[in-house]
Structures are given as structure tokens and as C-alpha cells.
Amino acid sequence: MKLFAEPDELEQWRKRYLQGGMGYGEVKKRLAELANQMLQPYRERYEQLENDNDYVEDVLSQGGKKAPSHRHRTHGQNPHRNRNRHQR
């Protein structure tokens, strides 16, 4: 709940919990609502990407073109590359 609720709402839940009589089902329902609110923009973006195959293919293609140039730039610069794996 701390990850999703605002401090004032969290305090209200804490007080209700300390008073007793609050069921976990009620808290789980609110937690699911808060989590869904937080995840909504990511779901919308996922849906946009899912419906725009041309854009996704373009991004993947561009990334595929960049990868070899990055590989050549960093080759030989890794200090762990030639290290004996059995040394500690």
C-alpha cells in the first residue's frame, strides 16, 4: 500500500487498521485499484505499440543497425574480457 497510496490515504488506512474490524479483502481491493491506476499509462502505451507494427519494426531495425557499431566501438575495452574466469 505504501508504494501506491498517498500519505493521507495511507494514514486513514493505518487508523482503521488499528481500530480493528477491517478486512483484508477491502484493503486488497483498494490496492488493486491503486496498482491499476499506476499501471494505466503503461497499458495504454503497450496498446499503442501493439497497434503500430510499422513503428515497432522501424525501432527494432534502427536498433539492429546501431548494435554492430556499438560492438565495434567497445570491443577490447572491457577490462574483464581477458581475465581468467577461475581467478578470484
N, C-alpha and C. Protein backbone atom coordinates (compact mmCIF):
# COMPACT_ATOMS: atom_id res chain seq x y z
N MET A 1 0.84 -1.18 0.00
CA MET A 1 0.00 0.00 0.00
C MET A 1 0.89 1.26 0.00
N LYS A 2 2.01 1.21 0.69
CA LYS A 2 2.90 2.37 0.76
C LYS A 2 3.40 2.81 -0.61
N LEU A 3 3.53 1.86 -1.53
CA LEU A 3 4.05 2.17 -2.85
C LEU A 3 3.04 2.91 -3.73
N PHE A 4 1.76 2.79 -3.40
CA PHE A 4 0.74 3.32 -4.30
C PHE A 4 -0.10 4.44 -3.70
N ALA A 5 -0.39 4.38 -2.42
CA ALA A 5 -1.32 5.34 -1.81
C ALA A 5 -0.60 6.62 -1.40
N GLU A 6 -1.35 7.71 -1.43
CA GLU A 6 -0.83 8.99 -0.93
C GLU A 6 -0.72 8.91 0.59
N PRO A 7 0.16 9.71 1.19
CA PRO A 7 0.36 9.64 2.64
C PRO A 7 -0.93 9.83 3.46
N ASP A 8 -1.80 10.74 3.04
CA ASP A 8 -3.03 10.95 3.81
C ASP A 8 -3.95 9.73 3.74
N GLU A 9 -4.04 9.10 2.58
CA GLU A 9 -4.85 7.88 2.48
C GLU A 9 -4.23 6.74 3.28
N LEU A 10 -2.93 6.66 3.22
CA LEU A 10 -2.22 5.63 3.98
C LEU A 10 -2.47 5.79 5.48
N GLU A 11 -2.48 7.02 5.94
CA GLU A 11 -2.75 7.29 7.35
C GLU A 11 -4.17 6.88 7.73
N GLN A 12 -5.12 7.14 6.84
CA GLN A 12 -6.50 6.73 7.10
C GLN A 12 -6.60 5.21 7.21
N TRP A 13 -5.91 4.49 6.33
CA TRP A 13 -5.91 3.03 6.40
C TRP A 13 -5.26 2.54 7.69
N ARG A 14 -4.18 3.19 8.10
CA ARG A 14 -3.49 2.80 9.32
C ARG A 14 -4.41 2.95 10.53
N LYS A 15 -5.11 4.08 10.59
CA LYS A 15 -6.03 4.32 11.70
C LYS A 15 -7.14 3.29 11.73
N ARG A 16 -7.71 3.00 10.58
CA ARG A 16 -8.79 2.00 10.51
C ARG A 16 -8.28 0.63 10.93
N TYR A 17 -7.07 0.30 10.54
CA TYR A 17 -6.48 -0.99 10.91
C TYR A 17 -6.32 -1.08 12.42
N LEU A 18 -5.82 -0.01 13.03
CA LEU A 18 -5.61 -0.02 14.47
C LEU A 18 -6.92 -0.07 15.25
N GLN A 19 -7.98 0.48 14.69
CA GLN A 19 -9.29 0.43 15.34
C GLN A 19 -9.88 -0.97 15.30
N GLY A 20 -9.47 -1.75 14.34
CA GLY A 20 -9.97 -3.12 14.21
C GLY A 20 -11.22 -3.20 13.36
N GLY A 21 -11.58 -4.42 13.00
CA GLY A 21 -12.78 -4.65 12.23
C GLY A 21 -12.64 -4.45 10.74
N MET A 22 -11.44 -4.21 10.28
CA MET A 22 -11.22 -4.01 8.85
C MET A 22 -10.75 -5.32 8.24
N GLY A 23 -11.38 -5.73 7.15
CA GLY A 23 -10.99 -6.98 6.50
C GLY A 23 -9.92 -6.77 5.44
N TYR A 24 -9.13 -7.81 5.21
CA TYR A 24 -8.07 -7.72 4.20
C TYR A 24 -8.64 -7.59 2.79
N GLY A 25 -9.83 -8.14 2.57
CA GLY A 25 -10.45 -8.05 1.26
C GLY A 25 -10.64 -6.61 0.82
N GLU A 26 -11.02 -5.77 1.76
CA GLU A 26 -11.22 -4.34 1.47
C GLU A 26 -9.90 -3.68 1.09
N VAL A 27 -8.85 -4.03 1.80
CA VAL A 27 -7.52 -3.45 1.52
C VAL A 27 -7.01 -3.96 0.18
N LYS A 28 -7.19 -5.26 -0.08
CA LYS A 28 -6.73 -5.82 -1.35
C LYS A 28 -7.44 -5.17 -2.53
N LYS A 29 -8.74 -4.91 -2.37
CA LYS A 29 -9.49 -4.27 -3.44
C LYS A 29 -8.94 -2.88 -3.73
N ARG A 30 -8.68 -2.09 -2.68
CA ARG A 30 -8.15 -0.74 -2.87
C ARG A 30 -6.74 -0.79 -3.46
N LEU A 31 -5.95 -1.73 -3.00
CA LEU A 31 -4.59 -1.88 -3.51
C LEU A 31 -4.62 -2.20 -5.01
N ALA A 32 -5.54 -3.07 -5.42
CA ALA A 32 -5.67 -3.39 -6.84
C ALA A 32 -6.07 -2.15 -7.63
N GLU A 33 -6.98 -1.34 -7.09
CA GLU A 33 -7.38 -0.10 -7.76
C GLU A 33 -6.19 0.83 -7.94
N LEU A 34 -5.42 1.00 -6.88
CA LEU A 34 -4.26 1.90 -6.94
C LEU A 34 -3.20 1.38 -7.92
N ALA A 35 -2.96 0.08 -7.90
CA ALA A 35 -1.98 -0.51 -8.82
C ALA A 35 -2.44 -0.33 -10.26
N ASN A 36 -3.72 -0.54 -10.50
CA ASN A 36 -4.25 -0.35 -11.86
C ASN A 36 -4.12 1.09 -12.32
N GLN A 37 -4.34 2.03 -11.41
CA GLN A 37 -4.17 3.45 -11.76
C GLN A 37 -2.73 3.74 -12.15
N MET A 38 -1.79 3.19 -11.40
CA MET A 38 -0.39 3.42 -11.68
C MET A 38 0.04 2.79 -13.01
N LEU A 39 -0.50 1.62 -13.30
CA LEU A 39 -0.10 0.90 -14.50
C LEU A 39 -0.83 1.34 -15.76
N GLN A 40 -1.88 2.11 -15.62
CA GLN A 40 -2.71 2.50 -16.77
C GLN A 40 -1.92 3.17 -17.90
N PRO A 41 -1.05 4.12 -17.63
CA PRO A 41 -0.30 4.74 -18.74
C PRO A 41 0.57 3.72 -19.50
N TYR A 42 1.12 2.75 -18.78
CA TYR A 42 1.95 1.74 -19.42
C TYR A 42 1.10 0.80 -20.27
N ARG A 43 -0.08 0.49 -19.78
CA ARG A 43 -1.01 -0.35 -20.57
C ARG A 43 -1.42 0.37 -21.85
N GLU A 44 -1.69 1.67 -21.72
CA GLU A 44 -2.07 2.45 -22.90
C GLU A 44 -0.95 2.49 -23.92
N ARG A 45 0.28 2.70 -23.44
CA ARG A 45 1.43 2.74 -24.36
C ARG A 45 1.63 1.38 -25.02
N TYR A 46 1.48 0.31 -24.25
CA TYR A 46 1.60 -1.04 -24.79
C TYR A 46 0.57 -1.25 -25.90
N GLU A 47 -0.65 -0.82 -25.66
CA GLU A 47 -1.71 -0.95 -26.66
C GLU A 47 -1.38 -0.16 -27.92
N GLN A 48 -0.84 1.06 -27.74
CA GLN A 48 -0.44 1.85 -28.89
C GLN A 48 0.61 1.12 -29.72
N LEU A 49 1.62 0.58 -29.04
CA LEU A 49 2.69 -0.12 -29.73
C LEU A 49 2.18 -1.39 -30.40
N GLU A 50 1.26 -2.06 -29.72
CA GLU A 50 0.70 -3.28 -30.26
C GLU A 50 -0.05 -3.02 -31.57
N ASN A 51 -0.61 -1.83 -31.69
CA ASN A 51 -1.39 -1.48 -32.87
C ASN A 51 -0.59 -0.71 -33.92
N ASP A 52 0.71 -0.52 -33.71
CA ASP A 52 1.54 0.22 -34.66
C ASP A 52 2.77 -0.61 -35.02
N ASN A 53 2.53 -1.67 -35.77
CA ASN A 53 3.61 -2.59 -36.13
C ASN A 53 4.72 -1.91 -36.93
N ASP A 54 4.36 -0.95 -37.78
CA ASP A 54 5.37 -0.25 -38.58
C ASP A 54 6.37 0.48 -37.69
N TYR A 55 5.86 1.15 -36.67
CA TYR A 55 6.74 1.87 -35.75
C TYR A 55 7.66 0.90 -35.00
N VAL A 56 7.09 -0.18 -34.50
CA VAL A 56 7.88 -1.16 -33.75
C VAL A 56 8.97 -1.76 -34.64
N GLU A 57 8.61 -2.12 -35.85
CA GLU A 57 9.59 -2.68 -36.79
C GLU A 57 10.69 -1.67 -37.10
N ASP A 58 10.33 -0.40 -37.24
CA ASP A 58 11.31 0.65 -37.51
C ASP A 58 12.29 0.80 -36.34
N VAL A 59 11.77 0.81 -35.12
CA VAL A 59 12.64 0.93 -33.94
C VAL A 59 13.57 -0.27 -33.83
N LEU A 60 13.04 -1.46 -34.05
CA LEU A 60 13.87 -2.66 -33.99
C LEU A 60 14.94 -2.64 -35.09
N SER A 61 14.57 -2.18 -36.26
CA SER A 61 15.52 -2.11 -37.36
C SER A 61 16.64 -1.12 -37.05
N GLN A 62 16.27 0.04 -36.52
CA GLN A 62 17.27 1.05 -36.18
C GLN A 62 18.20 0.53 -35.08
N GLY A 63 17.64 -0.14 -34.10
CA GLY A 63 18.46 -0.72 -33.03
C GLY A 63 19.40 -1.78 -33.55
N GLY A 64 18.91 -2.58 -34.49
CA GLY A 64 19.75 -3.60 -35.10
C GLY A 64 20.91 -3.01 -35.89
N LYS A 65 20.69 -1.84 -36.50
CA LYS A 65 21.76 -1.18 -37.24
C LYS A 65 22.79 -0.55 -36.31
N LYS A 66 22.33 -0.08 -35.14
CA LYS A 66 23.24 0.55 -34.19
C LYS A 66 24.09 -0.47 -33.44
N ALA A 67 23.53 -1.63 -33.18
CA ALA A 67 24.23 -2.63 -32.36
C ALA A 67 25.61 -2.99 -32.89
N PRO A 68 25.79 -3.28 -34.18
CA PRO A 68 27.13 -3.62 -34.66
C PRO A 68 28.13 -2.49 -34.46
N SER A 69 27.72 -1.24 -34.65
CA SER A 69 28.66 -0.14 -34.48
C SER A 69 29.06 0.01 -33.02
N HIS A 70 28.15 -0.23 -32.11
CA HIS A 70 28.49 -0.17 -30.68
C HIS A 70 29.40 -1.32 -30.31
N ARG A 71 29.17 -2.48 -30.90
CA ARG A 71 30.01 -3.63 -30.60
C ARG A 71 31.45 -3.36 -31.01
N HIS A 72 31.65 -2.76 -32.17
CA HIS A 72 33.00 -2.49 -32.64
C HIS A 72 33.67 -1.41 -31.81
N ARG A 73 32.92 -0.47 -31.35
CA ARG A 73 33.49 0.60 -30.52
C ARG A 73 33.96 0.09 -29.18
N THR A 74 33.24 -0.86 -28.59
CA THR A 74 33.56 -1.30 -27.23
C THR A 74 34.44 -2.54 -27.22
N HIS A 75 34.61 -3.19 -28.35
CA HIS A 75 35.42 -4.41 -28.40
C HIS A 75 36.84 -4.10 -27.92
N GLY A 76 37.31 -4.89 -26.99
CA GLY A 76 38.65 -4.73 -26.47
C GLY A 76 38.75 -3.74 -25.33
N GLN A 77 37.66 -3.06 -24.98
CA GLN A 77 37.71 -2.09 -23.90
C GLN A 77 37.17 -2.65 -22.59
N ASN A 78 36.73 -3.89 -22.60
CA ASN A 78 36.20 -4.50 -21.39
C ASN A 78 37.36 -5.00 -20.54
N PRO A 79 37.58 -4.47 -19.34
CA PRO A 79 38.72 -4.89 -18.51
C PRO A 79 38.59 -6.33 -18.04
N HIS A 80 37.40 -6.91 -18.10
CA HIS A 80 37.19 -8.28 -17.63
C HIS A 80 37.27 -9.29 -18.76
N ARG A 81 37.42 -8.81 -19.99
CA ARG A 81 37.37 -9.68 -21.16
C ARG A 81 38.43 -10.77 -21.16
N ASN A 82 39.66 -10.44 -20.88
CA ASN A 82 40.75 -11.43 -20.95
C ASN A 82 41.11 -12.00 -19.60
N ARG A 83 40.31 -11.73 -18.62
CA ARG A 83 40.59 -12.20 -17.27
C ARG A 83 40.27 -13.69 -17.16
N ASN A 84 41.13 -14.41 -16.50
CA ASN A 84 40.91 -15.83 -16.28
C ASN A 84 39.70 -15.99 -15.36
N ARG A 85 38.73 -16.75 -15.80
CA ARG A 85 37.49 -16.90 -15.03
C ARG A 85 37.70 -17.61 -13.69
N HIS A 86 38.75 -18.35 -13.59
CA HIS A 86 38.97 -19.13 -12.37
C HIS A 86 39.74 -18.36 -11.32
N GLN A 87 40.25 -17.19 -11.66
CA GLN A 87 40.96 -16.36 -10.68
C GLN A 87 39.96 -15.64 -9.82
N ARG A 88 40.29 -15.47 -8.56
CA ARG A 88 39.41 -14.72 -7.66
C ARG A 88 40.14 -13.62 -6.98
